[in-house]
Amino acid sequence: MIERDVALADGRMLHAYDAPPPGRTTLSLLWQHGSPQTGAPLEPVLEAAAGRGIRVFSYARPSYGGSSPNPGRDVGSAAADTTAVADALGVDRFVAMGASGGGPHALAAAAMLPGRVVGAATLAGVAPFSTDFDWFDGMASPDGIRSAFDGRAARATFEQTAEFDPAQFVAADYAALGGPWSALGQDVARSAAFGHDGLIDDDVAFTSPWGFALEDVIAPVLVVQGAIDRVVPPGHGTWVASRLPRAELWLRPDDGHVSVLAAVPAAMDWLLEHRP
């Protein structure tokens, strides 16, 4: 895997990753990381991609993993950052995949880069805030995201005393973290070295206007959601899928927030099948 820093026109820098497959490339895939992570694509993602000839590229969002801050960013700003990284790496058309906090940012690329992003998949992705459904229903520990509705200062104050609530994960999540997705827990631990600003800014962006509408996404989108997810409850996935013009919803009855990532290989197959 190749790492490089991508300089942006506004003076910021994004830390990017590029992992071409060992043989012929069948597809290029942007991986949008969860909150908080370093931005490096996780080993199970790379393994699934390599076996399918998929080139994976990614970058650390602002304030994550060595990337510069972008004060006041919204979800839609990820489209411009994605463009800069793809241009620097020589990637033309691609698909986008995001997990958890990466889901909205994958959708941003699909909405705002039509024709260039030819498909997308989200796994346990957050929905835009809406009163059309109970946005908080099923969240085991919603206080952190609730604080973001009061602005960045309130969210930053909450983070000073925040502690992980083990009730957010179901047994299937802990099994995934102790087995095939142990790389996720390790990457979350590494992300702590870069501070909490990325996570804080993500939460504020999620609870503010995103800068685009789900209805703007013209590419096919696969929405994968765990039915027993206690971090991003299933109502988020079903609502997002109902608003996307060309969506397919996979509601996995036995999966939580982490174990749903077992669907990554199948989601890659779906993207390969639905590319134009």
Protein backbone atom coordinates (compact mmCIF):
# COMPACT_ATOMS: atom_id res chain seq x y z
CA MET A 1 0.00 0.00 0.00
CA ILE A 2 1.28 3.45 -0.96
CA GLU A 3 0.88 6.46 1.34
CA ARG A 4 1.21 10.05 0.20
CA ASP A 5 0.18 13.55 1.16
CA VAL A 6 -2.07 15.41 -1.27
CA ALA A 7 -1.78 19.21 -1.28
CA LEU A 8 -5.03 21.12 -1.84
CA ALA A 9 -5.56 24.48 -3.48
CA ASP A 10 -6.69 26.04 -0.18
CA GLY A 11 -3.40 25.13 1.51
CA ARG A 12 -4.69 22.08 3.35
CA MET A 13 -3.20 18.59 3.07
CA LEU A 14 -4.87 15.19 3.02
CA HIS A 15 -3.07 11.99 3.94
CA ALA A 16 -4.01 9.43 1.28
CA TYR A 17 -3.61 5.70 0.66
CA ASP A 18 -3.53 3.74 -2.59
CA ALA A 19 -3.68 -0.05 -2.80
CA PRO A 20 -3.67 -1.40 -6.37
CA PRO A 21 -4.54 -5.09 -6.74
CA PRO A 22 -1.77 -7.57 -7.60
CA GLY A 23 -3.14 -8.21 -11.09
CA ARG A 24 -5.50 -6.50 -13.50
CA THR A 25 -7.66 -3.74 -12.03
CA THR A 26 -11.38 -4.35 -12.52
CA LEU A 27 -12.65 -1.38 -10.52
CA SER A 28 -11.39 1.51 -8.39
CA LEU A 29 -13.05 1.95 -5.00
CA LEU A 30 -12.91 4.91 -2.62
CA TRP A 31 -13.05 3.73 1.00
CA GLN A 32 -14.50 6.30 3.42
CA HIS A 33 -13.50 5.44 6.97
CA GLY A 34 -15.62 5.42 10.10
CA SER A 35 -15.53 7.81 13.05
CA PRO A 36 -12.91 7.76 14.52
CA GLN A 37 -10.27 6.00 12.42
CA THR A 38 -6.98 6.94 10.77
CA GLY A 39 -8.17 6.79 7.16
CA ALA A 40 -6.09 3.75 6.23
CA PRO A 41 -8.18 1.04 4.53
CA LEU A 42 -8.64 -1.90 6.86
CA GLU A 43 -7.03 -5.26 6.13
CA PRO A 44 -10.30 -7.16 5.54
CA VAL A 45 -11.27 -4.51 2.98
CA LEU A 46 -7.92 -4.85 1.21
CA GLU A 47 -8.13 -8.65 1.22
CA ALA A 48 -11.62 -8.67 -0.29
CA ALA A 49 -10.61 -6.10 -2.88
CA ALA A 50 -7.41 -7.86 -3.94
CA GLY A 51 -9.29 -11.07 -4.67
CA ARG A 52 -11.62 -9.16 -6.98
CA GLY A 53 -9.07 -7.04 -8.79
CA ILE A 54 -10.32 -3.87 -7.07
CA ARG A 55 -8.02 -0.93 -6.47
CA VAL A 56 -8.75 0.68 -3.10
CA PHE A 57 -7.86 4.27 -2.36
CA SER A 58 -8.73 6.34 0.68
CA TYR A 59 -7.76 9.39 2.67
CA ALA A 60 -8.01 10.63 6.22
CA ARG A 61 -10.79 13.19 6.48
CA PRO A 62 -9.81 16.61 7.89
CA SER A 63 -8.24 16.38 11.39
CA TYR A 64 -7.95 12.60 11.13
CA GLY A 65 -4.77 10.63 10.55
CA GLY A 66 -2.47 13.55 9.79
CA SER A 67 -4.82 15.46 7.46
CA SER A 68 -5.23 19.21 7.96
CA PRO A 69 -8.29 20.61 9.74
CA ASN A 70 -11.13 22.10 7.73
CA PRO A 71 -13.09 24.24 10.22
CA GLY A 72 -16.83 24.30 9.66
CA ARG A 73 -16.81 21.50 7.10
CA ASP A 74 -20.07 19.87 6.11
CA VAL A 75 -20.58 16.36 4.76
CA GLY A 76 -20.71 17.63 1.19
CA SER A 77 -17.21 19.08 1.43
CA ALA A 78 -15.92 15.52 1.15
CA ALA A 79 -16.70 15.62 -2.57
CA ALA A 80 -14.05 18.27 -3.25
CA ASP A 81 -11.52 16.44 -1.06
CA THR A 82 -12.30 13.19 -2.86
CA THR A 83 -11.79 14.89 -6.22
CA ALA A 84 -8.38 16.19 -5.18
CA VAL A 85 -7.25 12.75 -3.99
CA ALA A 86 -8.60 10.93 -7.04
CA ASP A 87 -6.94 13.45 -9.36
CA ALA A 88 -3.61 13.13 -7.54
CA LEU A 89 -3.75 9.34 -7.79
CA GLY A 90 -4.84 9.34 -11.43
CA VAL A 91 -8.22 7.73 -10.72
CA ASP A 92 -10.95 8.65 -13.20
CA ARG A 93 -14.25 6.84 -12.59
CA PHE A 94 -14.78 4.91 -9.37
CA VAL A 95 -17.26 3.67 -6.80
CA ALA A 96 -17.48 4.80 -3.18
CA MET A 97 -17.95 2.69 -0.07
CA GLY A 98 -18.26 3.97 3.48
CA ALA A 99 -18.89 2.41 6.87
CA SER A 100 -20.57 4.13 9.81
CA GLY A 101 -19.43 7.77 9.70
CA GLY A 102 -17.92 7.09 6.29
CA GLY A 103 -21.33 6.28 4.80
CA PRO A 104 -22.54 9.90 4.48
CA HIS A 105 -19.21 10.93 2.95
CA ALA A 106 -19.42 8.16 0.36
CA LEU A 107 -22.90 9.44 -0.53
CA ALA A 108 -21.52 12.98 -0.81
CA ALA A 109 -19.12 11.85 -3.52
CA ALA A 110 -21.92 10.02 -5.34
CA ALA A 111 -24.28 13.01 -5.14
CA MET A 112 -21.82 15.73 -6.10
CA LEU A 113 -19.63 13.89 -8.62
CA PRO A 114 -22.24 12.39 -10.97
CA GLY A 115 -20.74 10.44 -13.82
CA ARG A 116 -17.41 10.12 -12.03
CA VAL A 117 -18.77 8.13 -9.09
CA VAL A 118 -20.68 5.31 -10.75
CA GLY A 119 -21.91 3.44 -7.69
CA ALA A 120 -21.85 3.51 -3.90
CA ALA A 121 -22.36 1.33 -0.87
CA THR A 122 -22.89 2.30 2.75
CA LEU A 123 -22.67 0.00 5.75
CA ALA A 124 -24.23 1.15 9.05
CA GLY A 125 -24.24 4.69 7.65
CA VAL A 126 -25.72 7.66 9.50
CA ALA A 127 -28.82 9.32 7.99
CA PRO A 128 -29.30 13.06 7.69
CA PHE A 129 -31.31 14.36 10.63
CA SER A 130 -35.03 14.26 9.91
CA THR A 131 -38.24 14.46 11.91
CA ASP A 132 -39.79 12.00 9.45
CA PHE A 133 -38.62 9.20 11.75
CA ASP A 134 -37.27 8.92 15.31
CA TRP A 135 -33.61 9.58 14.56
CA PHE A 136 -32.49 8.57 18.06
CA ASP A 137 -34.67 5.49 18.47
CA GLY A 138 -32.51 2.47 19.26
CA MET A 139 -29.30 4.37 20.04
CA ALA A 140 -27.77 2.91 23.19
CA SER A 141 -25.70 6.00 23.97
CA PRO A 142 -26.96 9.08 22.09
CA ASP A 143 -25.62 11.84 24.36
CA GLY A 144 -22.53 12.53 22.26
CA ILE A 145 -24.39 13.01 19.00
CA ARG A 146 -27.13 14.96 20.81
CA SER A 147 -24.54 17.45 22.03
CA ALA A 148 -23.51 18.15 18.44
CA PHE A 149 -26.90 19.74 17.75
CA ASP A 150 -25.82 22.56 20.07
CA GLY A 151 -22.73 23.30 17.97
CA ARG A 152 -19.07 22.47 17.91
CA ALA A 153 -18.20 23.96 21.29
CA ALA A 154 -20.87 21.85 23.00
CA ARG A 155 -19.71 18.70 21.23
CA ALA A 156 -16.08 19.42 22.15
CA THR A 157 -17.03 19.97 25.79
CA PHE A 158 -18.85 16.64 25.85
CA GLU A 159 -15.81 14.87 24.42
CA GLN A 160 -13.65 15.99 27.34
CA THR A 161 -15.40 13.49 29.62
CA ALA A 162 -16.77 11.01 27.08
CA GLU A 163 -16.38 7.31 27.77
CA PHE A 164 -17.17 4.33 25.57
CA ASP A 165 -20.45 2.66 26.50
CA PRO A 166 -20.04 -1.11 26.02
CA ALA A 167 -23.81 -1.46 25.61
CA GLN A 168 -23.48 0.10 22.15
CA PHE A 169 -22.15 -3.19 20.76
CA VAL A 170 -24.03 -6.47 20.63
CA ALA A 171 -22.41 -9.88 21.03
CA ALA A 172 -21.89 -10.20 17.27
CA ASP A 173 -19.93 -6.94 17.28
CA TYR A 174 -17.57 -8.12 19.99
CA ALA A 175 -17.06 -11.39 18.14
CA ALA A 176 -16.16 -9.47 14.97
CA LEU A 177 -13.73 -7.23 16.85
CA GLY A 178 -12.09 -10.25 18.43
CA GLY A 179 -11.81 -12.05 15.11
CA PRO A 180 -12.00 -11.00 11.46
CA TRP A 181 -12.37 -7.27 12.16
CA SER A 182 -9.73 -6.91 14.88
CA ALA A 183 -8.00 -4.45 12.55
CA LEU A 184 -10.86 -2.02 13.14
CA GLY A 185 -10.27 -1.84 16.88
CA GLN A 186 -6.55 -1.48 16.32
CA ASP A 187 -7.07 1.39 13.89
CA VAL A 188 -9.45 3.19 16.25
CA ALA A 189 -6.76 2.95 18.94
CA ARG A 190 -4.14 4.40 16.55
CA SER A 191 -6.45 7.28 15.69
CA ALA A 192 -6.29 8.55 19.28
CA ALA A 193 -2.79 9.88 18.59
CA PHE A 194 -4.34 12.51 16.29
CA GLY A 195 -6.81 13.83 18.85
CA HIS A 196 -10.59 14.09 18.83
CA ASP A 197 -11.16 16.98 16.41
CA GLY A 198 -12.01 14.73 13.47
CA LEU A 199 -14.70 12.91 15.43
CA ILE A 200 -16.12 16.15 16.79
CA ASP A 201 -16.27 17.73 13.34
CA ASP A 202 -17.88 14.60 11.89
CA ASP A 203 -20.66 14.65 14.48
CA VAL A 204 -21.34 18.35 13.94
CA ALA A 205 -21.46 17.75 10.18
CA PHE A 206 -23.87 14.83 10.57
CA THR A 207 -26.30 16.91 12.64
CA SER A 208 -26.13 19.97 10.35
CA PRO A 209 -27.34 20.38 6.75
CA TRP A 210 -25.23 18.06 4.62
CA GLY A 211 -24.88 20.34 1.59
CA PHE A 212 -26.66 17.94 -0.77
CA ALA A 213 -29.86 15.92 -0.92
CA LEU A 214 -30.08 12.15 -1.01
CA GLU A 215 -32.37 12.55 -4.00
CA ASP A 216 -29.39 14.00 -5.92
CA VAL A 217 -27.62 10.62 -5.99
CA ILE A 218 -28.23 9.22 -9.47
CA ALA A 219 -25.81 6.29 -9.19
CA PRO A 220 -26.99 2.92 -7.85
CA VAL A 221 -26.47 2.61 -4.09
CA LEU A 222 -26.42 -0.43 -1.83
CA VAL A 223 -27.49 0.33 1.74
CA VAL A 224 -26.39 -2.34 4.23
CA GLN A 225 -27.74 -2.13 7.76
CA GLY A 226 -27.65 -4.32 10.84
CA ALA A 227 -31.11 -4.83 12.30
CA ILE A 228 -29.74 -4.88 15.87
CA ASP A 229 -27.26 -2.01 15.46
CA ARG A 230 -27.26 0.08 18.67
CA VAL A 231 -24.92 2.81 17.38
CA VAL A 232 -26.66 3.66 14.09
CA PRO A 233 -30.07 2.00 14.42
CA PRO A 234 -31.82 0.33 11.46
CA GLY A 235 -34.21 3.23 10.98
CA HIS A 236 -31.32 5.22 9.54
CA GLY A 237 -30.63 2.69 6.82
CA THR A 238 -34.27 2.19 5.85
CA TRP A 239 -34.90 5.93 5.69
CA VAL A 240 -31.79 6.59 3.58
CA ALA A 241 -32.71 3.81 1.17
CA SER A 242 -36.23 5.20 0.82
CA ARG A 243 -34.88 8.58 -0.31
CA LEU A 244 -32.23 7.41 -2.78
CA PRO A 245 -33.52 7.12 -6.36
CA ARG A 246 -31.72 3.84 -7.13
CA ALA A 247 -31.17 2.07 -3.82
CA GLU A 248 -31.19 -1.52 -2.69
CA LEU A 249 -31.48 -2.23 1.04
CA TRP A 250 -29.90 -5.21 2.77
CA LEU A 251 -31.25 -5.42 6.32
CA ARG A 252 -29.17 -8.07 8.10
CA PRO A 253 -31.19 -9.45 11.02
CA ASP A 254 -28.33 -10.73 13.19
CA ASP A 255 -25.83 -7.88 12.75
CA GLY A 256 -24.89 -4.91 14.86
CA HIS A 257 -22.64 -1.97 14.09
CA VAL A 258 -19.37 -3.85 13.54
CA SER A 259 -20.50 -7.33 12.53
CA VAL A 260 -22.38 -5.85 9.55
CA LEU A 261 -18.94 -5.32 7.96
CA ALA A 262 -18.97 -9.01 7.12
CA ALA A 263 -21.04 -7.88 4.12
CA VAL A 264 -18.11 -5.94 2.61
CA PRO A 265 -17.10 -8.70 0.13
CA ALA A 266 -20.69 -9.17 -1.04
CA ALA A 267 -21.10 -5.40 -1.31
CA MET A 268 -18.04 -5.29 -3.56
CA ASP A 269 -19.62 -7.97 -5.74
CA TRP A 270 -22.80 -5.87 -5.90
CA LEU A 271 -20.82 -2.82 -7.02
CA LEU A 272 -19.03 -4.86 -9.67
CA GLU A 273 -22.38 -6.15 -10.93
CA HIS A 274 -24.07 -2.73 -11.00
CA ARG A 275 -21.28 -0.63 -12.51
CA PRO A 276 -22.21 0.85 -15.91
